[in-house]
Amino acid sequence: MAGAVAEKGKEAAVATAAAATDGWITTKLKAKFADESALEGSDINVDTSDHVVRLRGTVPSRAAKARAALIARGTENVARVVNQLVVKRM
C-alpha cells in the first residue's frame, strides 16, 4: 500500500513539474516577445503543452514570423515549435 501511495506521489510531482515548466516557457516567451523590436505590432498567443510551443496570432511580416519562431526554438526546455502565425500587413 505504501509503495502505491509513493508511486502516485511521484507521478503527481512529475506532472506538476511539467506543468510548471510549460508555464515558465509561456511566461518567458511572452517576455521575450514584448522586448523584441522586430515583433512590434504583433498579436501573438503562446500556448505550451508538454514542452511544445504553439504560436498563434498575427505578425506584420514574414521576417517577424520567422523571428518569433527562432526565439521560441532558442528558449530553454522547448522541444518543438508549431508556428501558426499569420502575416497581416498593419
PDB file of N, CA and C in Angstrom:
ATOM      1  N   MET A   1       0.825  -1.190   0.000  1.00  0.00           N
ATOM      2  CA  MET A   1       0.000   0.000   0.000  1.00  0.00           C
ATOM      3  C   MET A   1       0.871   1.256   0.000  1.00  0.00           C
ATOM      4  N   ALA A   2       1.893   1.278   0.851  1.00  0.00           N
ATOM      5  CA  ALA A   2       2.772   2.447   0.933  1.00  0.00           C
ATOM      6  C   ALA A   2       3.491   2.676  -0.387  1.00  0.00           C
ATOM      7  N   GLY A   3       3.856   1.586  -1.065  1.00  0.00           N
ATOM      8  CA  GLY A   3       4.529   1.699  -2.360  1.00  0.00           C
ATOM      9  C   GLY A   3       3.634   2.349  -3.400  1.00  0.00           C
ATOM     10  N   ALA A   4       2.356   1.989  -3.402  1.00  0.00           N
ATOM     11  CA  ALA A   4       1.402   2.568  -4.350  1.00  0.00           C
ATOM     12  C   ALA A   4       1.205   4.051  -4.084  1.00  0.00           C
ATOM     13  N   VAL A   5       1.138   4.411  -2.808  1.00  0.00           N
ATOM     14  CA  VAL A   5       0.980   5.821  -2.438  1.00  0.00           C
ATOM     15  C   VAL A   5       2.206   6.611  -2.867  1.00  0.00           C
ATOM     16  N   ALA A   6       3.381   6.037  -2.642  1.00  0.00           N
ATOM     17  CA  ALA A   6       4.623   6.711  -3.026  1.00  0.00           C
ATOM     18  C   ALA A   6       4.691   6.893  -4.534  1.00  0.00           C
ATOM     19  N   GLU A   7       4.264   5.869  -5.291  1.00  0.00           N
ATOM     20  CA  GLU A   7       4.271   5.956  -6.749  1.00  0.00           C
ATOM     21  C   GLU A   7       3.304   7.036  -7.238  1.00  0.00           C
ATOM     22  N   LYS A   8       2.130   7.120  -6.643  1.00  0.00           N
ATOM     23  CA  LYS A   8       1.156   8.161  -7.005  1.00  0.00           C
ATOM     24  C   LYS A   8       1.721   9.548  -6.721  1.00  0.00           C
ATOM     25  N   GLY A   9       2.418   9.672  -5.591  1.00  0.00           N
ATOM     26  CA  GLY A   9       3.038  10.953  -5.238  1.00  0.00           C
ATOM     27  C   GLY A   9       4.104  11.341  -6.235  1.00  0.00           C
ATOM     28  N   LYS A  10       4.885  10.359  -6.669  1.00  0.00           N
ATOM     29  CA  LYS A  10       5.938  10.610  -7.656  1.00  0.00           C
ATOM     30  C   LYS A  10       5.323  11.051  -8.991  1.00  0.00           C
ATOM     31  N   GLU A  11       4.241  10.371  -9.414  1.00  0.00           N
ATOM     32  CA  GLU A  11       3.563  10.739 -10.656  1.00  0.00           C
ATOM     33  C   GLU A  11       3.009  12.154 -10.579  1.00  0.00           C
ATOM     34  N   ALA A  12       2.441  12.513  -9.445  1.00  0.00           N
ATOM     35  CA  ALA A  12       1.897  13.862  -9.259  1.00  0.00           C
ATOM     36  C   ALA A  12       3.001  14.907  -9.303  1.00  0.00           C
ATOM     37  N   ALA A  13       4.149  14.587  -8.704  1.00  0.00           N
ATOM     38  CA  ALA A  13       5.277  15.521  -8.704  1.00  0.00           C
ATOM     39  C   ALA A  13       5.794  15.745 -10.119  1.00  0.00           C
ATOM     40  N   VAL A  14       5.878  14.677 -10.904  1.00  0.00           N
ATOM     41  CA  VAL A  14       6.345  14.796 -12.284  1.00  0.00           C
ATOM     42  C   VAL A  14       5.358  15.637 -13.096  1.00  0.00           C
ATOM     43  N   ALA A  15       4.065  15.388 -12.933  1.00  0.00           N
ATOM     44  CA  ALA A  15       3.042  16.161 -13.655  1.00  0.00           C
ATOM     45  C   ALA A  15       3.093  17.626 -13.262  1.00  0.00           C
ATOM     46  N   THR A  16       3.279  17.905 -11.994  1.00  0.00           N
ATOM     47  CA  THR A  16       3.357  19.284 -11.509  1.00  0.00           C
ATOM     48  C   THR A  16       4.595  19.973 -12.061  1.00  0.00           C
ATOM     49  N   ALA A  17       5.720  19.274 -12.080  1.00  0.00           N
ATOM     50  CA  ALA A  17       6.958  19.855 -12.607  1.00  0.00           C
ATOM     51  C   ALA A  17       6.809  20.171 -14.088  1.00  0.00           C
ATOM     52  N   ALA A  18       6.158  19.278 -14.848  1.00  0.00           N
ATOM     53  CA  ALA A  18       5.963  19.515 -16.276  1.00  0.00           C
ATOM     54  C   ALA A  18       5.066  20.727 -16.490  1.00  0.00           C
ATOM     55  N   ALA A  19       4.011  20.835 -15.718  1.00  0.00           N
ATOM     56  CA  ALA A  19       3.111  21.978 -15.852  1.00  0.00           C
ATOM     57  C   ALA A  19       3.823  23.269 -15.498  1.00  0.00           C
ATOM     58  N   ALA A  20       4.608  23.239 -14.447  1.00  0.00           N
ATOM     59  CA  ALA A  20       5.346  24.436 -14.048  1.00  0.00           C
ATOM     60  C   ALA A  20       6.332  24.833 -15.146  1.00  0.00           C
ATOM     61  N   THR A  21       6.971  23.859 -15.742  1.00  0.00           N
ATOM     62  CA  THR A  21       7.917  24.145 -16.811  1.00  0.00           C
ATOM     63  C   THR A  21       7.193  24.719 -18.021  1.00  0.00           C
ATOM     64  N   ASP A  22       6.033  24.171 -18.387  1.00  0.00           N
ATOM     65  CA  ASP A  22       5.261  24.707 -19.503  1.00  0.00           C
ATOM     66  C   ASP A  22       4.837  26.146 -19.221  1.00  0.00           C
ATOM     67  N   GLY A  23       4.403  26.405 -17.996  1.00  0.00           N
ATOM     68  CA  GLY A  23       4.031  27.764 -17.614  1.00  0.00           C
ATOM     69  C   GLY A  23       5.218  28.702 -17.669  1.00  0.00           C
ATOM     70  N   TRP A  24       6.370  28.214 -17.233  1.00  0.00           N
ATOM     71  CA  TRP A  24       7.595  29.023 -17.269  1.00  0.00           C
ATOM     72  C   TRP A  24       7.954  29.355 -18.715  1.00  0.00           C
ATOM     73  N   ILE A  25       7.847  28.362 -19.602  1.00  0.00           N
ATOM     74  CA  ILE A  25       8.168  28.583 -21.015  1.00  0.00           C
ATOM     75  C   ILE A  25       7.250  29.664 -21.602  1.00  0.00           C
ATOM     76  N   THR A  26       5.958  29.545 -21.344  1.00  0.00           N
ATOM     77  CA  THR A  26       4.996  30.516 -21.864  1.00  0.00           C
ATOM     78  C   THR A  26       5.305  31.920 -21.360  1.00  0.00           C
ATOM     79  N   THR A  27       5.540  32.039 -20.066  1.00  0.00           N
ATOM     80  CA  THR A  27       5.848  33.347 -19.474  1.00  0.00           C
ATOM     81  C   THR A  27       7.137  33.917 -20.043  1.00  0.00           C
ATOM     82  N   LYS A  28       8.151  33.082 -20.165  1.00  0.00           N
ATOM     83  CA  LYS A  28       9.442  33.516 -20.690  1.00  0.00           C
ATOM     84  C   LYS A  28       9.303  34.020 -22.130  1.00  0.00           C
ATOM     85  N   LEU A  29       8.552  33.283 -22.948  1.00  0.00           N
ATOM     86  CA  LEU A  29       8.381  33.697 -24.340  1.00  0.00           C
ATOM     87  C   LEU A  29       7.609  35.003 -24.461  1.00  0.00           C
ATOM     88  N   LYS A  30       6.570  35.158 -23.671  1.00  0.00           N
ATOM     89  CA  LYS A  30       5.808  36.417 -23.721  1.00  0.00           C
ATOM     90  C   LYS A  30       6.700  37.599 -23.377  1.00  0.00           C
ATOM     91  N   ALA A  31       7.574  37.427 -22.398  1.00  0.00           N
ATOM     92  CA  ALA A  31       8.504  38.497 -22.016  1.00  0.00           C
ATOM     93  C   ALA A  31       9.504  38.769 -23.138  1.00  0.00           C
ATOM     94  N   LYS A  32      10.024  37.719 -23.745  1.00  0.00           N
ATOM     95  CA  LYS A  32      10.982  37.897 -24.844  1.00  0.00           C
ATOM     96  C   LYS A  32      10.318  38.597 -26.032  1.00  0.00           C
ATOM     97  N   PHE A  33       9.091  38.194 -26.355  1.00  0.00           N
ATOM     98  CA  PHE A  33       8.384  38.810 -27.481  1.00  0.00           C
ATOM     99  C   PHE A  33       8.104  40.287 -27.209  1.00  0.00           C
ATOM    100  N   ALA A  34       7.771  40.627 -25.976  1.00  0.00           N
ATOM    101  CA  ALA A  34       7.476  42.020 -25.617  1.00  0.00           C
ATOM    102  C   ALA A  34       8.714  42.905 -25.773  1.00  0.00           C
ATOM    103  N   ASP A  35       9.888  42.331 -25.563  1.00  0.00           N
ATOM    104  CA  ASP A  35      11.138  43.092 -25.646  1.00  0.00           C
ATOM    105  C   ASP A  35      11.754  43.099 -27.050  1.00  0.00           C
ATOM    106  N   GLU A  36      11.140  42.412 -27.996  1.00  0.00           N
ATOM    107  CA  GLU A  36      11.709  42.266 -29.335  1.00  0.00           C
ATOM    108  C   GLU A  36      11.130  43.309 -30.296  1.00  0.00           C
ATOM    109  N   SER A  37      11.981  44.234 -30.734  1.00  0.00           N
ATOM    110  CA  SER A  37      11.511  45.317 -31.609  1.00  0.00           C
ATOM    111  C   SER A  37      10.977  44.790 -32.942  1.00  0.00           C
ATOM    112  N   ALA A  38      11.505  43.676 -33.435  1.00  0.00           N
ATOM    113  CA  ALA A  38      11.040  43.107 -34.707  1.00  0.00           C
ATOM    114  C   ALA A  38       9.605  42.609 -34.618  1.00  0.00           C
ATOM    115  N   LEU A  39       9.095  42.450 -33.405  1.00  0.00           N
ATOM    116  CA  LEU A  39       7.740  41.936 -33.222  1.00  0.00           C
ATOM    117  C   LEU A  39       6.737  43.021 -32.840  1.00  0.00           C
ATOM    118  N   GLU A  40       7.151  44.288 -32.909  1.00  0.00           N
ATOM    119  CA  GLU A  40       6.232  45.390 -32.603  1.00  0.00           C
ATOM    120  C   GLU A  40       5.021  45.317 -33.525  1.00  0.00           C
ATOM    121  N   GLY A  41       3.846  45.515 -32.956  1.00  0.00           N
ATOM    122  CA  GLY A  41       2.615  45.451 -33.728  1.00  0.00           C
ATOM    123  C   GLY A  41       2.066  44.042 -33.879  1.00  0.00           C
ATOM    124  N   SER A  42       2.730  43.066 -33.281  1.00  0.00           N
ATOM    125  CA  SER A  42       2.277  41.678 -33.359  1.00  0.00           C
ATOM    126  C   SER A  42       1.258  41.390 -32.266  1.00  0.00           C
ATOM    127  N   ASP A  43       0.429  40.412 -32.532  1.00  0.00           N
ATOM    128  CA  ASP A  43      -0.525  39.913 -31.538  1.00  0.00           C
ATOM    129  C   ASP A  43      -0.319  38.403 -31.485  1.00  0.00           C
ATOM    130  N   ILE A  44       0.579  37.968 -30.595  1.00  0.00           N
ATOM    131  CA  ILE A  44       0.992  36.568 -30.542  1.00  0.00           C
ATOM    132  C   ILE A  44       0.437  35.895 -29.302  1.00  0.00           C
ATOM    133  N   ASN A  45      -0.236  34.763 -29.527  1.00  0.00           N
ATOM    134  CA  ASN A  45      -0.731  33.927 -28.451  1.00  0.00           C
ATOM    135  C   ASN A  45       0.233  32.757 -28.310  1.00  0.00           C
ATOM    136  N   VAL A  46       0.732  32.529 -27.100  1.00  0.00           N
ATOM    137  CA  VAL A  46       1.669  31.435 -26.820  1.00  0.00           C
ATOM    138  C   VAL A  46       0.971  30.396 -25.965  1.00  0.00           C
ATOM    139  N   ASP A  47       0.975  29.151 -26.439  1.00  0.00           N
ATOM    140  CA  ASP A  47       0.403  28.046 -25.674  1.00  0.00           C
ATOM    141  C   ASP A  47       1.459  26.949 -25.610  1.00  0.00           C
ATOM    142  N   THR A  48       1.749  26.461 -24.411  1.00  0.00           N
ATOM    143  CA  THR A  48       2.772  25.440 -24.236  1.00  0.00           C
ATOM    144  C   THR A  48       2.183  24.214 -23.553  1.00  0.00           C
ATOM    145  N   SER A  49       2.416  23.057 -24.139  1.00  0.00           N
ATOM    146  CA  SER A  49       1.952  21.800 -23.565  1.00  0.00           C
ATOM    147  C   SER A  49       3.005  20.731 -23.828  1.00  0.00           C
ATOM    148  N   ASP A  50       3.456  20.071 -22.779  1.00  0.00           N
ATOM    149  CA  ASP A  50       4.496  19.037 -22.892  1.00  0.00           C
ATOM    150  C   ASP A  50       5.730  19.551 -23.627  1.00  0.00           C
ATOM    151  N   HIS A  51       6.115  20.782 -23.345  1.00  0.00           N
ATOM    152  CA  HIS A  51       7.303  21.428 -23.914  1.00  0.00           C
ATOM    153  C   HIS A  51       7.170  21.757 -25.395  1.00  0.00           C
ATOM    154  N   VAL A  52       5.962  21.624 -25.941  1.00  0.00           N
ATOM    155  CA  VAL A  52       5.698  22.001 -27.333  1.00  0.00           C
ATOM    156  C   VAL A  52       4.996  23.356 -27.313  1.00  0.00           C
ATOM    157  N   VAL A  53       5.597  24.319 -27.999  1.00  0.00           N
ATOM    158  CA  VAL A  53       5.065  25.681 -28.044  1.00  0.00           C
ATOM    159  C   VAL A  53       4.262  25.861 -29.322  1.00  0.00           C
ATOM    160  N   ARG A  54       3.047  26.382 -29.163  1.00  0.00           N
ATOM    161  CA  ARG A  54       2.199  26.704 -30.315  1.00  0.00           C
ATOM    162  C   ARG A  54       2.053  28.222 -30.350  1.00  0.00           C
ATOM    163  N   LEU A  55       2.444  28.809 -31.485  1.00  0.00           N
ATOM    164  CA  LEU A  55       2.345  30.249 -31.686  1.00  0.00           C
ATOM    165  C   LEU A  55       1.183  30.521 -32.627  1.00  0.00           C
ATOM    166  N   ARG A  56       0.247  31.358 -32.184  1.00  0.00           N
ATOM    167  CA  ARG A  56      -0.901  31.740 -32.998  1.00  0.00           C
ATOM    168  C   ARG A  56      -1.076  33.247 -32.913  1.00  0.00           C
ATOM    169  N   GLY A  57      -1.714  33.811 -33.912  1.00  0.00           N
ATOM    170  CA  GLY A  57      -1.962  35.247 -33.925  1.00  0.00           C
ATOM    171  C   GLY A  57      -1.439  35.873 -35.195  1.00  0.00           C
ATOM    172  N   THR A  58      -1.188  37.184 -35.115  1.00  0.00           N
ATOM    173  CA  THR A  58      -0.751  37.912 -36.307  1.00  0.00           C
ATOM    174  C   THR A  58       0.571  38.633 -36.062  1.00  0.00           C
ATOM    175  N   VAL A  59       1.323  38.749 -37.134  1.00  0.00           N
ATOM    176  CA  VAL A  59       2.593  39.484 -37.133  1.00  0.00           C
ATOM    177  C   VAL A  59       2.630  40.347 -38.389  1.00  0.00           C
ATOM    178  N   PRO A  60       3.422  41.423 -38.388  1.00  0.00           N
ATOM    179  CA  PRO A  60       3.408  42.344 -39.524  1.00  0.00           C
ATOM    180  C   PRO A  60       4.195  41.893 -40.761  1.00  0.00           C
ATOM    181  N   SER A  61       5.032  40.849 -40.631  1.00  0.00           N
ATOM    182  CA  SER A  61       5.852  40.446 -41.780  1.00  0.00           C
ATOM    183  C   SER A  61       6.307  38.994 -41.646  1.00  0.00           C
ATOM    184  N   ARG A  62       6.798  38.453 -42.773  1.00  0.00           N
ATOM    185  CA  ARG A  62       7.353  37.087 -42.729  1.00  0.00           C
ATOM    186  C   ARG A  62       8.596  37.058 -41.849  1.00  0.00           C
ATOM    187  N   ALA A  63       9.351  38.142 -41.855  1.00  0.00           N
ATOM    188  CA  ALA A  63      10.544  38.205 -41.011  1.00  0.00           C
ATOM    189  C   ALA A  63      10.167  38.135 -39.531  1.00  0.00           C
ATOM    190  N   ALA A  64       9.078  38.801 -39.148  1.00  0.00           N
ATOM    191  CA  ALA A  64       8.614  38.765 -37.762  1.00  0.00           C
ATOM    192  C   ALA A  64       8.155  37.357 -37.389  1.00  0.00           C
ATOM    193  N   LYS A  65       7.490  36.688 -38.317  1.00  0.00           N
ATOM    194  CA  LYS A  65       7.040  35.303 -38.081  1.00  0.00           C
ATOM    195  C   LYS A  65       8.246  34.397 -37.844  1.00  0.00           C
ATOM    196  N   ALA A  66       9.251  34.533 -38.684  1.00  0.00           N
ATOM    197  CA  ALA A  66      10.464  33.729 -38.543  1.00  0.00           C
ATOM    198  C   ALA A  66      11.201  34.062 -37.245  1.00  0.00           C
ATOM    199  N   ARG A  67      11.252  35.334 -36.892  1.00  0.00           N
ATOM    200  CA  ARG A  67      11.937  35.767 -35.669  1.00  0.00           C
ATOM    201  C   ARG A  67      11.257  35.185 -34.430  1.00  0.00           C
ATOM    202  N   ALA A  68       9.930  35.209 -34.405  1.00  0.00           N
ATOM    203  CA  ALA A  68       9.191  34.654 -33.262  1.00  0.00           C
ATOM    204  C   ALA A  68       9.494  33.167 -33.102  1.00  0.00           C
ATOM    205  N   ALA A  69       9.511  32.438 -34.213  1.00  0.00           N
ATOM    206  CA  ALA A  69       9.811  31.003 -34.159  1.00  0.00           C
ATOM    207  C   ALA A  69      11.242  30.760 -33.690  1.00  0.00           C
ATOM    208  N   LEU A  70      12.175  31.573 -34.166  1.00  0.00           N
ATOM    209  CA  LEU A  70      13.573  31.442 -33.764  1.00  0.00           C
ATOM    210  C   LEU A  70      13.741  31.681 -32.261  1.00  0.00           C
ATOM    211  N   ILE A  71      13.087  32.703 -31.754  1.00  0.00           N
ATOM    212  CA  ILE A  71      13.146  32.992 -30.320  1.00  0.00           C
ATOM    213  C   ILE A  71      12.566  31.819 -29.530  1.00  0.00           C
ATOM    214  N   ALA A  72      11.433  31.303 -29.976  1.00  0.00           N
ATOM    215  CA  ALA A  72      10.800  30.181 -29.266  1.00  0.00           C
ATOM    216  C   ALA A  72      11.696  28.950 -29.272  1.00  0.00           C
ATOM    217  N   ARG A  73      12.274  28.620 -30.428  1.00  0.00           N
ATOM    218  CA  ARG A  73      13.147  27.436 -30.518  1.00  0.00           C
ATOM    219  C   ARG A  73      14.378  27.573 -29.639  1.00  0.00           C
ATOM    220  N   GLY A  74      14.842  28.792 -29.445  1.00  0.00           N
ATOM    221  CA  GLY A  74      16.043  29.026 -28.651  1.00  0.00           C
ATOM    222  C   GLY A  74      15.793  29.138 -27.156  1.00  0.00           C
ATOM    223  N   THR A  75      14.560  28.964 -26.741  1.00  0.00           N
ATOM    224  CA  THR A  75      14.214  29.079 -25.324  1.00  0.00           C
ATOM    225  C   THR A  75      14.401  27.739 -24.631  1.00  0.00           C
ATOM    226  N   GLU A  76      14.992  27.794 -23.460  1.00  0.00           N
ATOM    227  CA  GLU A  76      15.285  26.595 -22.674  1.00  0.00           C
ATOM    228  C   GLU A  76      14.035  25.740 -22.462  1.00  0.00           C
ATOM    229  N   ASN A  77      14.191  24.440 -22.591  1.00  0.00           N
ATOM    230  CA  ASN A  77      13.165  23.415 -22.364  1.00  0.00           C
ATOM    231  C   ASN A  77      12.113  23.311 -23.467  1.00  0.00           C
ATOM    232  N   VAL A  78      12.254  24.033 -24.570  1.00  0.00           N
ATOM    233  CA  VAL A  78      11.305  23.922 -25.669  1.00  0.00           C
ATOM    234  C   VAL A  78      11.730  22.748 -26.545  1.00  0.00           C
ATOM    235  N   ALA A  79      10.822  21.778 -26.709  1.00  0.00           N
ATOM    236  CA  ALA A  79      11.118  20.596 -27.513  1.00  0.00           C
ATOM    237  C   ALA A  79      10.781  20.823 -28.985  1.00  0.00           C
ATOM    238  N   ARG A  80       9.708  21.582 -29.232  1.00  0.00           N
ATOM    239  CA  ARG A  80       9.252  21.789 -30.607  1.00  0.00           C
ATOM    240  C   ARG A  80       8.404  23.050 -30.661  1.00  0.00           C
ATOM    241  N   VAL A  81       8.381  23.687 -31.832  1.00  0.00           N
ATOM    242  CA  VAL A  81       7.572  24.893 -32.034  1.00  0.00           C
ATOM    243  C   VAL A  81       6.629  24.660 -33.207  1.00  0.00           C
ATOM    244  N   VAL A  82       5.344  24.909 -32.983  1.00  0.00           N
ATOM    245  CA  VAL A  82       4.349  24.856 -34.052  1.00  0.00           C
ATOM    246  C   VAL A  82       3.991  26.315 -34.340  1.00  0.00           C
ATOM    247  N   ASN A  83       4.433  26.800 -35.495  1.00  0.00           N
ATOM    248  CA  ASN A  83       4.271  28.205 -35.838  1.00  0.00           C
ATOM    249  C   ASN A  83       3.044  28.383 -36.733  1.00  0.00           C
ATOM    250  N   GLN A  84       1.958  28.852 -36.127  1.00  0.00           N
ATOM    251  CA  GLN A  84       0.724  29.096 -36.870  1.00  0.00           C
ATOM    252  C   GLN A  84       0.440  30.596 -37.002  1.00  0.00           C
ATOM    253  N   LEU A  85       1.480  31.394 -36.894  1.00  0.00           N
ATOM    254  CA  LEU A  85       1.333  32.839 -37.022  1.00  0.00           C
ATOM    255  C   LEU A  85       0.950  33.211 -38.447  1.00  0.00           C
ATOM    256  N   VAL A  86       0.133  34.235 -38.582  1.00  0.00           N
ATOM    257  CA  VAL A  86      -0.328  34.719 -39.876  1.00  0.00           C
ATOM    258  C   VAL A  86       0.232  36.118 -40.100  1.00  0.00           C
ATOM    259  N   VAL A  87       0.774  36.336 -41.291  1.00  0.00           N
ATOM    260  CA  VAL A  87       1.288  37.661 -41.631  1.00  0.00           C
ATOM    261  C   VAL A  87       0.101  38.520 -42.052  1.00  0.00           C
ATOM    262  N   LYS A  88      -0.039  39.628 -41.343  1.00  0.00           N
ATOM    263  CA  LYS A  88      -1.125  40.560 -41.626  1.00  0.00           C
ATOM    264  C   LYS A  88      -0.520  41.951 -41.674  1.00  0.00           C
ATOM    265  N   ARG A  89      -0.480  42.504 -42.852  1.00  0.00           N
ATOM    266  CA  ARG A  89       0.083  43.851 -43.014  1.00  0.00           C
ATOM    267  C   ARG A  89      -0.706  44.826 -42.159  1.00  0.00           C
ATOM    268  N   MET A  90      -0.005  45.602 -41.379  1.00  0.00           N
ATOM    269  CA  MET A  90      -0.658  46.532 -40.459  1.00  0.00           C
ATOM    270  C   MET A  90      -0.836  47.885 -41.111  1.00  0.00           C
TER     271      MET A  90
END
